[in-house]
All heavy atoms as atom14 arrays in JSON, in Angstrom:
{
  "sequence": "RRITDEIARAGGTPLAVAKDGRLLGAIFLKDVVKAGIRERFGELRAMG",
  "atom14_mask": [
    [1, 1, 1, 1, 1, 1, 1, 1, 1, 1, 1, 0, 0, 0],
    [1, 1, 1, 1, 1, 1, 1, 1, 1, 1, 1, 0, 0, 0],
    [1, 1, 1, 1, 1, 1, 1, 1, 0, 0, 0, 0, 0, 0],
    [1, 1, 1, 1, 1, 1, 1, 0, 0, 0, 0, 0, 0, 0],
    [1, 1, 1, 1, 1, 1, 1, 1, 0, 0, 0, 0, 0, 0],
    [1, 1, 1, 1, 1, 1, 1, 1, 1, 0, 0, 0, 0, 0],
    [1, 1, 1, 1, 1, 1, 1, 1, 0, 0, 0, 0, 0, 0],
    [1, 1, 1, 1, 1, 0, 0, 0, 0, 0, 0, 0, 0, 0],
    [1, 1, 1, 1, 1, 1, 1, 1, 1, 1, 1, 0, 0, 0],
    [1, 1, 1, 1, 1, 0, 0, 0, 0, 0, 0, 0, 0, 0],
    [1, 1, 1, 1, 0, 0, 0, 0, 0, 0, 0, 0, 0, 0],
    [1, 1, 1, 1, 0, 0, 0, 0, 0, 0, 0, 0, 0, 0],
    [1, 1, 1, 1, 1, 1, 1, 0, 0, 0, 0, 0, 0, 0],
    [1, 1, 1, 1, 1, 1, 1, 0, 0, 0, 0, 0, 0, 0],
    [1, 1, 1, 1, 1, 1, 1, 1, 0, 0, 0, 0, 0, 0],
    [1, 1, 1, 1, 1, 0, 0, 0, 0, 0, 0, 0, 0, 0],
    [1, 1, 1, 1, 1, 1, 1, 0, 0, 0, 0, 0, 0, 0],
    [1, 1, 1, 1, 1, 0, 0, 0, 0, 0, 0, 0, 0, 0],
    [1, 1, 1, 1, 1, 1, 1, 1, 1, 0, 0, 0, 0, 0],
    [1, 1, 1, 1, 1, 1, 1, 1, 0, 0, 0, 0, 0, 0],
    [1, 1, 1, 1, 0, 0, 0, 0, 0, 0, 0, 0, 0, 0],
    [1, 1, 1, 1, 1, 1, 1, 1, 1, 1, 1, 0, 0, 0],
    [1, 1, 1, 1, 1, 1, 1, 1, 0, 0, 0, 0, 0, 0],
    [1, 1, 1, 1, 1, 1, 1, 1, 0, 0, 0, 0, 0, 0],
    [1, 1, 1, 1, 0, 0, 0, 0, 0, 0, 0, 0, 0, 0],
    [1, 1, 1, 1, 1, 0, 0, 0, 0, 0, 0, 0, 0, 0],
    [1, 1, 1, 1, 1, 1, 1, 1, 0, 0, 0, 0, 0, 0],
    [1, 1, 1, 1, 1, 1, 1, 1, 1, 1, 1, 0, 0, 0],
    [1, 1, 1, 1, 1, 1, 1, 1, 0, 0, 0, 0, 0, 0],
    [1, 1, 1, 1, 1, 1, 1, 1, 1, 0, 0, 0, 0, 0],
    [1, 1, 1, 1, 1, 1, 1, 1, 0, 0, 0, 0, 0, 0],
    [1, 1, 1, 1, 1, 1, 1, 0, 0, 0, 0, 0, 0, 0],
    [1, 1, 1, 1, 1, 1, 1, 0, 0, 0, 0, 0, 0, 0],
    [1, 1, 1, 1, 1, 1, 1, 1, 1, 0, 0, 0, 0, 0],
    [1, 1, 1, 1, 1, 0, 0, 0, 0, 0, 0, 0, 0, 0],
    [1, 1, 1, 1, 0, 0, 0, 0, 0, 0, 0, 0, 0, 0],
    [1, 1, 1, 1, 1, 1, 1, 1, 0, 0, 0, 0, 0, 0],
    [1, 1, 1, 1, 1, 1, 1, 1, 1, 1, 1, 0, 0, 0],
    [1, 1, 1, 1, 1, 1, 1, 1, 1, 0, 0, 0, 0, 0],
    [1, 1, 1, 1, 1, 1, 1, 1, 1, 1, 1, 0, 0, 0],
    [1, 1, 1, 1, 1, 1, 1, 1, 1, 1, 1, 0, 0, 0],
    [1, 1, 1, 1, 0, 0, 0, 0, 0, 0, 0, 0, 0, 0],
    [1, 1, 1, 1, 1, 1, 1, 1, 1, 0, 0, 0, 0, 0],
    [1, 1, 1, 1, 1, 1, 1, 1, 0, 0, 0, 0, 0, 0],
    [1, 1, 1, 1, 1, 1, 1, 1, 1, 1, 1, 0, 0, 0],
    [1, 1, 1, 1, 1, 0, 0, 0, 0, 0, 0, 0, 0, 0],
    [1, 1, 1, 1, 1, 1, 1, 1, 0, 0, 0, 0, 0, 0],
    [1, 1, 1, 1, 0, 0, 0, 0, 0, 0, 0, 0, 0, 0]
  ],
  "atom14_positions": [
    [[131.08, 158.37, 11.11], [130.91, 157.15, 10.33], [130.69, 155.94, 11.23], [129.89, 155.05, 10.92], [132.13, 156.93, 9.43], [132.23, 157.89, 8.25], [133.28, 157.43, 7.26], [133.32, 158.29, 6.09], [134.19, 159.3, 5.92], [135.07, 159.56, 6.89], [134.17, 160.03, 4.84], [0.0, 0.0, 0.0], [0.0, 0.0, 0.0], [0.0, 0.0, 0.0]],
    [[131.4, 155.92, 12.37], [131.21, 154.81, 13.31], [129.77, 154.81, 13.85], [129.1, 153.77, 13.91], [132.2, 154.92, 14.47], [132.03, 153.82, 15.53], [133.0, 154.02, 16.68], [132.8, 155.3, 17.34], [131.81, 155.55, 18.22], [130.93, 154.59, 18.51], [131.71, 156.72, 18.8], [0.0, 0.0, 0.0], [0.0, 0.0, 0.0], [0.0, 0.0, 0.0]],
    [[129.28, 156.0, 14.22], [127.92, 156.11, 14.77], [126.88, 155.75, 13.71], [125.92, 155.02, 13.97], [127.68, 157.54, 15.3], [128.51, 157.78, 16.56], [126.19, 157.76, 15.6], [128.47, 159.21, 17.06], [0.0, 0.0, 0.0], [0.0, 0.0, 0.0], [0.0, 0.0, 0.0], [0.0, 0.0, 0.0], [0.0, 0.0, 0.0], [0.0, 0.0, 0.0]],
    [[127.08, 156.25, 12.5], [126.09, 155.98, 11.44], [126.09, 154.5, 11.06], [125.04, 153.95, 10.7], [126.36, 156.84, 10.2], [127.7, 156.64, 9.75], [126.16, 158.31, 10.52], [0.0, 0.0, 0.0], [0.0, 0.0, 0.0], [0.0, 0.0, 0.0], [0.0, 0.0, 0.0], [0.0, 0.0, 0.0], [0.0, 0.0, 0.0], [0.0, 0.0, 0.0]],
    [[127.27, 153.84, 11.14], [127.3, 152.4, 10.89], [126.49, 151.65, 11.94], [125.77, 150.69, 11.62], [128.74, 151.89, 10.88], [129.5, 152.27, 9.62], [128.84, 152.78, 8.68], [130.72, 152.08, 9.57], [0.0, 0.0, 0.0], [0.0, 0.0, 0.0], [0.0, 0.0, 0.0], [0.0, 0.0, 0.0], [0.0, 0.0, 0.0], [0.0, 0.0, 0.0]],
    [[126.59, 152.08, 13.19], [125.82, 151.45, 14.26], [124.32, 151.64, 14.02], [123.52, 150.7, 14.2], [126.21, 152.05, 15.62], [127.62, 151.69, 16.07], [127.99, 152.41, 17.36], [127.13, 153.15, 17.89], [129.13, 152.23, 17.83], [0.0, 0.0, 0.0], [0.0, 0.0, 0.0], [0.0, 0.0, 0.0], [0.0, 0.0, 0.0], [0.0, 0.0, 0.0]],
    [[123.94, 152.84, 13.64], [122.53, 153.12, 13.36], [122.04, 152.28, 12.19], [120.95, 151.69, 12.23], [122.32, 154.62, 13.08], [122.62, 155.46, 14.33], [120.9, 154.89, 12.57], [122.6, 156.96, 14.08], [0.0, 0.0, 0.0], [0.0, 0.0, 0.0], [0.0, 0.0, 0.0], [0.0, 0.0, 0.0], [0.0, 0.0, 0.0], [0.0, 0.0, 0.0]],
    [[122.88, 152.21, 11.16], [122.49, 151.46, 9.96], [122.33, 149.98, 10.26], [121.39, 149.33, 9.79], [123.53, 151.67, 8.86], [0.0, 0.0, 0.0], [0.0, 0.0, 0.0], [0.0, 0.0, 0.0], [0.0, 0.0, 0.0], [0.0, 0.0, 0.0], [0.0, 0.0, 0.0], [0.0, 0.0, 0.0], [0.0, 0.0, 0.0], [0.0, 0.0, 0.0]],
    [[123.28, 149.42, 11.06], [123.19, 147.99, 11.39], [121.95, 147.69, 12.22], [121.46, 146.56, 12.21], [124.45, 147.56, 12.14], [125.69, 147.5, 11.26], [126.84, 146.77, 11.95], [128.03, 146.81, 11.13], [129.0, 147.71, 11.24], [128.91, 148.67, 12.16], [130.05, 147.68, 10.45], [0.0, 0.0, 0.0], [0.0, 0.0, 0.0], [0.0, 0.0, 0.0]],
    [[121.48, 148.68, 12.94], [120.26, 148.51, 13.73], [119.01, 148.66, 12.87], [117.89, 148.58, 13.38], [120.24, 149.51, 14.88], [0.0, 0.0, 0.0], [0.0, 0.0, 0.0], [0.0, 0.0, 0.0], [0.0, 0.0, 0.0], [0.0, 0.0, 0.0], [0.0, 0.0, 0.0], [0.0, 0.0, 0.0], [0.0, 0.0, 0.0], [0.0, 0.0, 0.0]],
    [[119.2, 148.91, 11.57], [118.07, 149.07, 10.67], [117.5, 150.47, 10.66], [116.45, 150.71, 10.07], [0.0, 0.0, 0.0], [0.0, 0.0, 0.0], [0.0, 0.0, 0.0], [0.0, 0.0, 0.0], [0.0, 0.0, 0.0], [0.0, 0.0, 0.0], [0.0, 0.0, 0.0], [0.0, 0.0, 0.0], [0.0, 0.0, 0.0], [0.0, 0.0, 0.0]],
    [[118.18, 151.41, 11.32], [117.73, 152.79, 11.34], [118.34, 153.59, 10.21], [119.17, 153.09, 9.43], [0.0, 0.0, 0.0], [0.0, 0.0, 0.0], [0.0, 0.0, 0.0], [0.0, 0.0, 0.0], [0.0, 0.0, 0.0], [0.0, 0.0, 0.0], [0.0, 0.0, 0.0], [0.0, 0.0, 0.0], [0.0, 0.0, 0.0], [0.0, 0.0, 0.0]],
    [[117.92, 154.85, 10.11], [118.44, 155.75, 9.09], [119.15, 156.91, 9.79], [118.54, 157.61, 10.6], [117.32, 156.3, 8.21], [116.65, 155.21, 7.58], [117.86, 157.24, 7.15], [0.0, 0.0, 0.0], [0.0, 0.0, 0.0], [0.0, 0.0, 0.0], [0.0, 0.0, 0.0], [0.0, 0.0, 0.0], [0.0, 0.0, 0.0], [0.0, 0.0, 0.0]],
    [[120.44, 157.13, 9.48], [121.15, 158.25, 10.11], [121.04, 159.52, 9.25], [121.14, 159.46, 8.03], [122.59, 157.75, 10.15], [122.71, 156.83, 8.98], [121.34, 156.25, 8.73], [0.0, 0.0, 0.0], [0.0, 0.0, 0.0], [0.0, 0.0, 0.0], [0.0, 0.0, 0.0], [0.0, 0.0, 0.0], [0.0, 0.0, 0.0], [0.0, 0.0, 0.0]],
    [[120.81, 160.65, 9.91], [120.88, 161.96, 9.26], [122.0, 162.74, 9.91], [122.03, 162.88, 11.15], [119.56, 162.73, 9.42], [118.36, 162.33, 8.58], [117.21, 163.29, 8.82], [118.71, 162.31, 7.1], [0.0, 0.0, 0.0], [0.0, 0.0, 0.0], [0.0, 0.0, 0.0], [0.0, 0.0, 0.0], [0.0, 0.0, 0.0], [0.0, 0.0, 0.0]],
    [[122.93, 163.23, 9.11], [124.04, 164.02, 9.64], [123.62, 165.47, 9.8], [122.79, 165.98, 9.03], [125.25, 163.91, 8.72], [0.0, 0.0, 0.0], [0.0, 0.0, 0.0], [0.0, 0.0, 0.0], [0.0, 0.0, 0.0], [0.0, 0.0, 0.0], [0.0, 0.0, 0.0], [0.0, 0.0, 0.0], [0.0, 0.0, 0.0], [0.0, 0.0, 0.0]],
    [[124.19, 166.14, 10.8], [123.92, 167.56, 11.04], [125.26, 168.29, 11.05], [126.22, 167.84, 11.69], [123.18, 167.78, 12.38], [122.94, 169.27, 12.62], [121.86, 167.02, 12.39], [0.0, 0.0, 0.0], [0.0, 0.0, 0.0], [0.0, 0.0, 0.0], [0.0, 0.0, 0.0], [0.0, 0.0, 0.0], [0.0, 0.0, 0.0], [0.0, 0.0, 0.0]],
    [[125.33, 169.43, 10.33], [126.56, 170.22, 10.27], [126.22, 171.7, 10.47], [125.14, 172.15, 10.11], [127.26, 170.02, 8.93], [0.0, 0.0, 0.0], [0.0, 0.0, 0.0], [0.0, 0.0, 0.0], [0.0, 0.0, 0.0], [0.0, 0.0, 0.0], [0.0, 0.0, 0.0], [0.0, 0.0, 0.0], [0.0, 0.0, 0.0], [0.0, 0.0, 0.0]],
    [[127.18, 172.43, 11.07], [127.03, 173.87, 11.29], [128.28, 174.57, 10.78], [129.39, 174.3, 11.27], [126.81, 174.16, 12.77], [126.66, 175.64, 13.1], [126.42, 175.84, 14.59], [126.26, 177.32, 14.93], [126.01, 177.52, 16.39], [0.0, 0.0, 0.0], [0.0, 0.0, 0.0], [0.0, 0.0, 0.0], [0.0, 0.0, 0.0], [0.0, 0.0, 0.0]],
    [[128.11, 175.42, 9.78], [129.23, 176.17, 9.2], [130.38, 175.24, 8.8], [131.55, 175.52, 9.06], [129.73, 177.24, 10.18], [128.68, 178.28, 10.51], [127.83, 178.54, 9.63], [128.67, 178.8, 11.64], [0.0, 0.0, 0.0], [0.0, 0.0, 0.0], [0.0, 0.0, 0.0], [0.0, 0.0, 0.0], [0.0, 0.0, 0.0], [0.0, 0.0, 0.0]],
    [[130.04, 174.1, 8.21], [131.07, 173.18, 7.74], [131.65, 172.29, 8.81], [132.56, 171.51, 8.54], [0.0, 0.0, 0.0], [0.0, 0.0, 0.0], [0.0, 0.0, 0.0], [0.0, 0.0, 0.0], [0.0, 0.0, 0.0], [0.0, 0.0, 0.0], [0.0, 0.0, 0.0], [0.0, 0.0, 0.0], [0.0, 0.0, 0.0], [0.0, 0.0, 0.0]],
    [[131.13, 172.36, 10.04], [131.62, 171.53, 11.16], [130.57, 170.48, 11.49], [129.4, 170.8, 11.67], [131.91, 172.41, 12.37], [132.4, 171.64, 13.61], [132.88, 172.6, 14.68], [131.81, 173.43, 15.18], [131.03, 173.1, 16.23], [131.22, 171.95, 16.85], [130.08, 173.92, 16.63], [0.0, 0.0, 0.0], [0.0, 0.0, 0.0], [0.0, 0.0, 0.0]],
    [[131.01, 169.22, 11.56], [130.09, 168.13, 11.87], [129.67, 168.19, 13.33], [130.51, 168.28, 14.22], [130.74, 166.78, 11.57], [131.09, 166.5, 10.1], [131.83, 165.18, 9.98], [129.84, 166.48, 9.25], [0.0, 0.0, 0.0], [0.0, 0.0, 0.0], [0.0, 0.0, 0.0], [0.0, 0.0, 0.0], [0.0, 0.0, 0.0], [0.0, 0.0, 0.0]],
    [[128.35, 168.1, 13.58], [127.84, 168.13, 14.94], [127.41, 166.74, 15.42], [127.46, 166.47, 16.62], [126.64, 169.08, 15.05], [126.89, 170.54, 14.68], [125.63, 171.36, 14.92], [128.06, 171.12, 15.48], [0.0, 0.0, 0.0], [0.0, 0.0, 0.0], [0.0, 0.0, 0.0], [0.0, 0.0, 0.0], [0.0, 0.0, 0.0], [0.0, 0.0, 0.0]],
    [[126.94, 165.89, 14.52], [126.52, 164.57, 14.93], [125.5, 163.97, 13.98], [125.36, 164.41, 12.84], [0.0, 0.0, 0.0], [0.0, 0.0, 0.0], [0.0, 0.0, 0.0], [0.0, 0.0, 0.0], [0.0, 0.0, 0.0], [0.0, 0.0, 0.0], [0.0, 0.0, 0.0], [0.0, 0.0, 0.0], [0.0, 0.0, 0.0], [0.0, 0.0, 0.0]],
    [[124.77, 162.97, 14.48], [123.8, 162.25, 13.66], [122.47, 162.1, 14.4], [122.45, 162.0, 15.63], [124.33, 160.88, 13.27], [0.0, 0.0, 0.0], [0.0, 0.0, 0.0], [0.0, 0.0, 0.0], [0.0, 0.0, 0.0], [0.0, 0.0, 0.0], [0.0, 0.0, 0.0], [0.0, 0.0, 0.0], [0.0, 0.0, 0.0], [0.0, 0.0, 0.0]],
    [[121.4, 162.09, 13.64], [120.06, 161.85, 14.17], [119.67, 160.42, 13.81], [119.81, 160.0, 12.66], [119.03, 162.82, 13.57], [119.48, 164.28, 13.76], [117.66, 162.61, 14.17], [118.68, 165.27, 12.93], [0.0, 0.0, 0.0], [0.0, 0.0, 0.0], [0.0, 0.0, 0.0], [0.0, 0.0, 0.0], [0.0, 0.0, 0.0], [0.0, 0.0, 0.0]],
    [[119.19, 159.68, 14.81], [118.76, 158.29, 14.6], [117.28, 158.31, 14.25], [116.43, 158.65, 15.05], [118.99, 157.5, 15.9], [118.8, 156.01, 15.77], [119.45, 155.14, 16.64], [117.97, 155.44, 14.81], [119.28, 153.76, 16.56], [117.79, 154.08, 14.7], [118.45, 153.24, 15.58], [0.0, 0.0, 0.0], [0.0, 0.0, 0.0], [0.0, 0.0, 0.0]],
    [[116.95, 157.94, 12.97], [115.56, 157.83, 12.53], [115.18, 156.35, 12.53], [115.84, 155.53, 11.89], [115.37, 158.4, 11.13], [115.64, 159.9, 10.96], [115.46, 160.28, 9.49], [114.73, 160.73, 11.84], [0.0, 0.0, 0.0], [0.0, 0.0, 0.0], [0.0, 0.0, 0.0], [0.0, 0.0, 0.0], [0.0, 0.0, 0.0], [0.0, 0.0, 0.0]],
    [[114.11, 156.04, 13.23], [113.67, 154.65, 13.33], [112.61, 154.33, 12.3], [111.76, 155.15, 11.99], [113.09, 154.37, 14.73], [114.12, 154.01, 15.78], [113.43, 153.55, 17.05], [114.45, 153.09, 18.09], [113.78, 152.66, 19.34], [0.0, 0.0, 0.0], [0.0, 0.0, 0.0], [0.0, 0.0, 0.0], [0.0, 0.0, 0.0], [0.0, 0.0, 0.0]],
    [[112.67, 153.12, 11.77], [111.63, 152.61, 10.89], [111.45, 151.13, 11.19], [112.39, 150.47, 11.63], [111.99, 152.83, 9.42], [110.76, 152.99, 8.54], [109.66, 152.69, 9.02], [110.91, 153.42, 7.38], [0.0, 0.0, 0.0], [0.0, 0.0, 0.0], [0.0, 0.0, 0.0], [0.0, 0.0, 0.0], [0.0, 0.0, 0.0], [0.0, 0.0, 0.0]],
    [[110.26, 150.6, 10.94], [109.95, 149.21, 11.3], [109.42, 148.48, 10.08], [108.56, 148.98, 9.36], [108.9, 149.17, 12.43], [108.58, 147.73, 12.81], [109.39, 149.94, 13.65], [0.0, 0.0, 0.0], [0.0, 0.0, 0.0], [0.0, 0.0, 0.0], [0.0, 0.0, 0.0], [0.0, 0.0, 0.0], [0.0, 0.0, 0.0], [0.0, 0.0, 0.0]],
    [[109.93, 147.27, 9.84], [109.46, 146.44, 8.74], [108.02, 146.0, 9.03], [107.69, 145.61, 10.14], [110.37, 145.2, 8.56], [109.77, 144.23, 7.55], [111.75, 145.64, 8.1], [0.0, 0.0, 0.0], [0.0, 0.0, 0.0], [0.0, 0.0, 0.0], [0.0, 0.0, 0.0], [0.0, 0.0, 0.0], [0.0, 0.0, 0.0], [0.0, 0.0, 0.0]],
    [[107.16, 146.07, 8.02], [105.76, 145.73, 8.2], [105.58, 144.24, 8.49], [106.29, 143.4, 7.93], [104.96, 146.09, 6.94], [104.8, 147.59, 6.74], [103.94, 147.88, 5.53], [103.7, 149.38, 5.4], [102.87, 149.71, 4.23], [0.0, 0.0, 0.0], [0.0, 0.0, 0.0], [0.0, 0.0, 0.0], [0.0, 0.0, 0.0], [0.0, 0.0, 0.0]],
    [[104.63, 143.95, 9.34], [104.33, 142.55, 9.68], [103.82, 141.81, 8.44], [103.02, 142.34, 7.68], [103.28, 142.5, 10.79], [0.0, 0.0, 0.0], [0.0, 0.0, 0.0], [0.0, 0.0, 0.0], [0.0, 0.0, 0.0], [0.0, 0.0, 0.0], [0.0, 0.0, 0.0], [0.0, 0.0, 0.0], [0.0, 0.0, 0.0], [0.0, 0.0, 0.0]],
    [[104.3, 140.59, 8.25], [103.83, 139.75, 7.16], [104.47, 140.03, 5.82], [104.14, 139.36, 4.83], [0.0, 0.0, 0.0], [0.0, 0.0, 0.0], [0.0, 0.0, 0.0], [0.0, 0.0, 0.0], [0.0, 0.0, 0.0], [0.0, 0.0, 0.0], [0.0, 0.0, 0.0], [0.0, 0.0, 0.0], [0.0, 0.0, 0.0], [0.0, 0.0, 0.0]],
    [[105.39, 141.0, 5.76], [105.97, 141.37, 4.46], [106.85, 140.24, 3.91], [106.91, 140.02, 2.7], [106.75, 142.69, 4.55], [106.91, 143.32, 3.16], [108.1, 142.51, 5.22], [105.66, 143.9, 2.61], [0.0, 0.0, 0.0], [0.0, 0.0, 0.0], [0.0, 0.0, 0.0], [0.0, 0.0, 0.0], [0.0, 0.0, 0.0], [0.0, 0.0, 0.0]],
    [[107.52, 139.49, 4.79], [108.37, 138.38, 4.33], [107.52, 137.33, 3.6], [107.92, 136.81, 2.55], [109.09, 137.73, 5.51], [110.18, 138.56, 6.15], [110.78, 137.83, 7.34], [111.43, 136.62, 6.93], [112.72, 136.51, 6.63], [113.5, 137.58, 6.69], [113.25, 135.36, 6.27], [0.0, 0.0, 0.0], [0.0, 0.0, 0.0], [0.0, 0.0, 0.0]],
    [[106.36, 137.03, 4.16], [105.49, 136.03, 3.55], [104.99, 136.5, 2.18], [104.87, 135.7, 1.24], [104.31, 135.74, 4.46], [104.65, 135.0, 5.75], [105.35, 135.87, 6.79], [105.27, 137.13, 6.65], [105.97, 135.33, 7.71], [0.0, 0.0, 0.0], [0.0, 0.0, 0.0], [0.0, 0.0, 0.0], [0.0, 0.0, 0.0], [0.0, 0.0, 0.0]],
    [[104.72, 137.79, 2.07], [104.22, 138.32, 0.79], [105.32, 138.25, -0.28], [105.03, 137.94, -1.44], [103.75, 139.76, 0.97], [102.73, 139.9, 2.08], [102.0, 141.19, 2.02], [100.9, 141.1, 1.08], [100.12, 142.13, 0.75], [100.31, 143.3, 1.3], [99.15, 141.99, -0.11], [0.0, 0.0, 0.0], [0.0, 0.0, 0.0], [0.0, 0.0, 0.0]],
    [[106.55, 138.52, 0.11], [107.65, 138.4, -0.85], [107.86, 136.93, -1.22], [108.3, 136.62, -2.33], [108.93, 139.01, -0.3], [108.9, 140.51, -0.26], [109.51, 141.21, 0.77], [108.26, 141.24, -1.24], [109.48, 142.6, 0.81], [108.21, 142.62, -1.21], [108.83, 143.3, -0.18], [0.0, 0.0, 0.0], [0.0, 0.0, 0.0], [0.0, 0.0, 0.0]],
    [[107.56, 136.03, -0.28], [107.63, 134.6, -0.6], [106.62, 134.23, -1.68], [106.92, 133.42, -2.56], [0.0, 0.0, 0.0], [0.0, 0.0, 0.0], [0.0, 0.0, 0.0], [0.0, 0.0, 0.0], [0.0, 0.0, 0.0], [0.0, 0.0, 0.0], [0.0, 0.0, 0.0], [0.0, 0.0, 0.0], [0.0, 0.0, 0.0], [0.0, 0.0, 0.0]],
    [[105.42, 134.84, -1.61], [104.41, 134.6, -2.65], [104.9, 135.07, -4.01], [104.7, 134.4, -5.03], [103.11, 135.33, -2.29], [102.39, 134.77, -1.08], [101.14, 135.58, -0.75], [100.72, 136.38, -1.62], [100.6, 135.42, 0.35], [0.0, 0.0, 0.0], [0.0, 0.0, 0.0], [0.0, 0.0, 0.0], [0.0, 0.0, 0.0], [0.0, 0.0, 0.0]],
    [[105.54, 136.23, -4.02], [106.05, 136.76, -5.29], [107.14, 135.85, -5.86], [107.22, 135.65, -7.07], [106.61, 138.17, -5.08], [105.55, 139.26, -4.83], [106.21, 140.55, -4.38], [104.74, 139.51, -6.08], [0.0, 0.0, 0.0], [0.0, 0.0, 0.0], [0.0, 0.0, 0.0], [0.0, 0.0, 0.0], [0.0, 0.0, 0.0], [0.0, 0.0, 0.0]],
    [[107.96, 135.31, -4.96], [109.01, 134.39, -5.41], [108.37, 133.16, -6.06], [108.87, 132.65, -7.06], [109.87, 134.0, -4.22], [111.36, 134.18, -4.47], [112.19, 133.98, -3.22], [112.57, 135.24, -2.65], [112.15, 135.7, -1.49], [111.34, 134.99, -0.76], [112.55, 136.87, -1.06], [0.0, 0.0, 0.0], [0.0, 0.0, 0.0], [0.0, 0.0, 0.0]],
    [[107.27, 132.7, -5.47], [106.57, 131.55, -6.04], [106.0, 131.86, -7.41], [105.81, 130.97, -8.24], [105.44, 131.11, -5.09], [0.0, 0.0, 0.0], [0.0, 0.0, 0.0], [0.0, 0.0, 0.0], [0.0, 0.0, 0.0], [0.0, 0.0, 0.0], [0.0, 0.0, 0.0], [0.0, 0.0, 0.0], [0.0, 0.0, 0.0], [0.0, 0.0, 0.0]],
    [[105.7, 133.15, -7.67], [105.22, 133.57, -8.99], [106.37, 133.73, -9.99], [106.14, 134.0, -11.16], [104.5, 134.91, -8.89], [103.26, 134.93, -8.03], [102.57, 136.62, -8.01], [101.4, 136.51, -6.65], [0.0, 0.0, 0.0], [0.0, 0.0, 0.0], [0.0, 0.0, 0.0], [0.0, 0.0, 0.0], [0.0, 0.0, 0.0], [0.0, 0.0, 0.0]],
    [[107.61, 133.64, -9.51], [108.76, 133.85, -10.38], [109.13, 135.31, -10.54], [109.77, 135.69, -11.53], [0.0, 0.0, 0.0], [0.0, 0.0, 0.0], [0.0, 0.0, 0.0], [0.0, 0.0, 0.0], [0.0, 0.0, 0.0], [0.0, 0.0, 0.0], [0.0, 0.0, 0.0], [0.0, 0.0, 0.0], [0.0, 0.0, 0.0], [0.0, 0.0, 0.0]]
  ]
}
């Protein structure tokens, strides 16, 4: 949970891995916010 919280705060997605009911760890999946998306949401806000 501590590791996945760190991954989540970094904007990543954690995937847990388990073997026979025993936790092995987490995989850090990276994703990036698209450029200009904030401005586009600002336009939508202006539309109400």
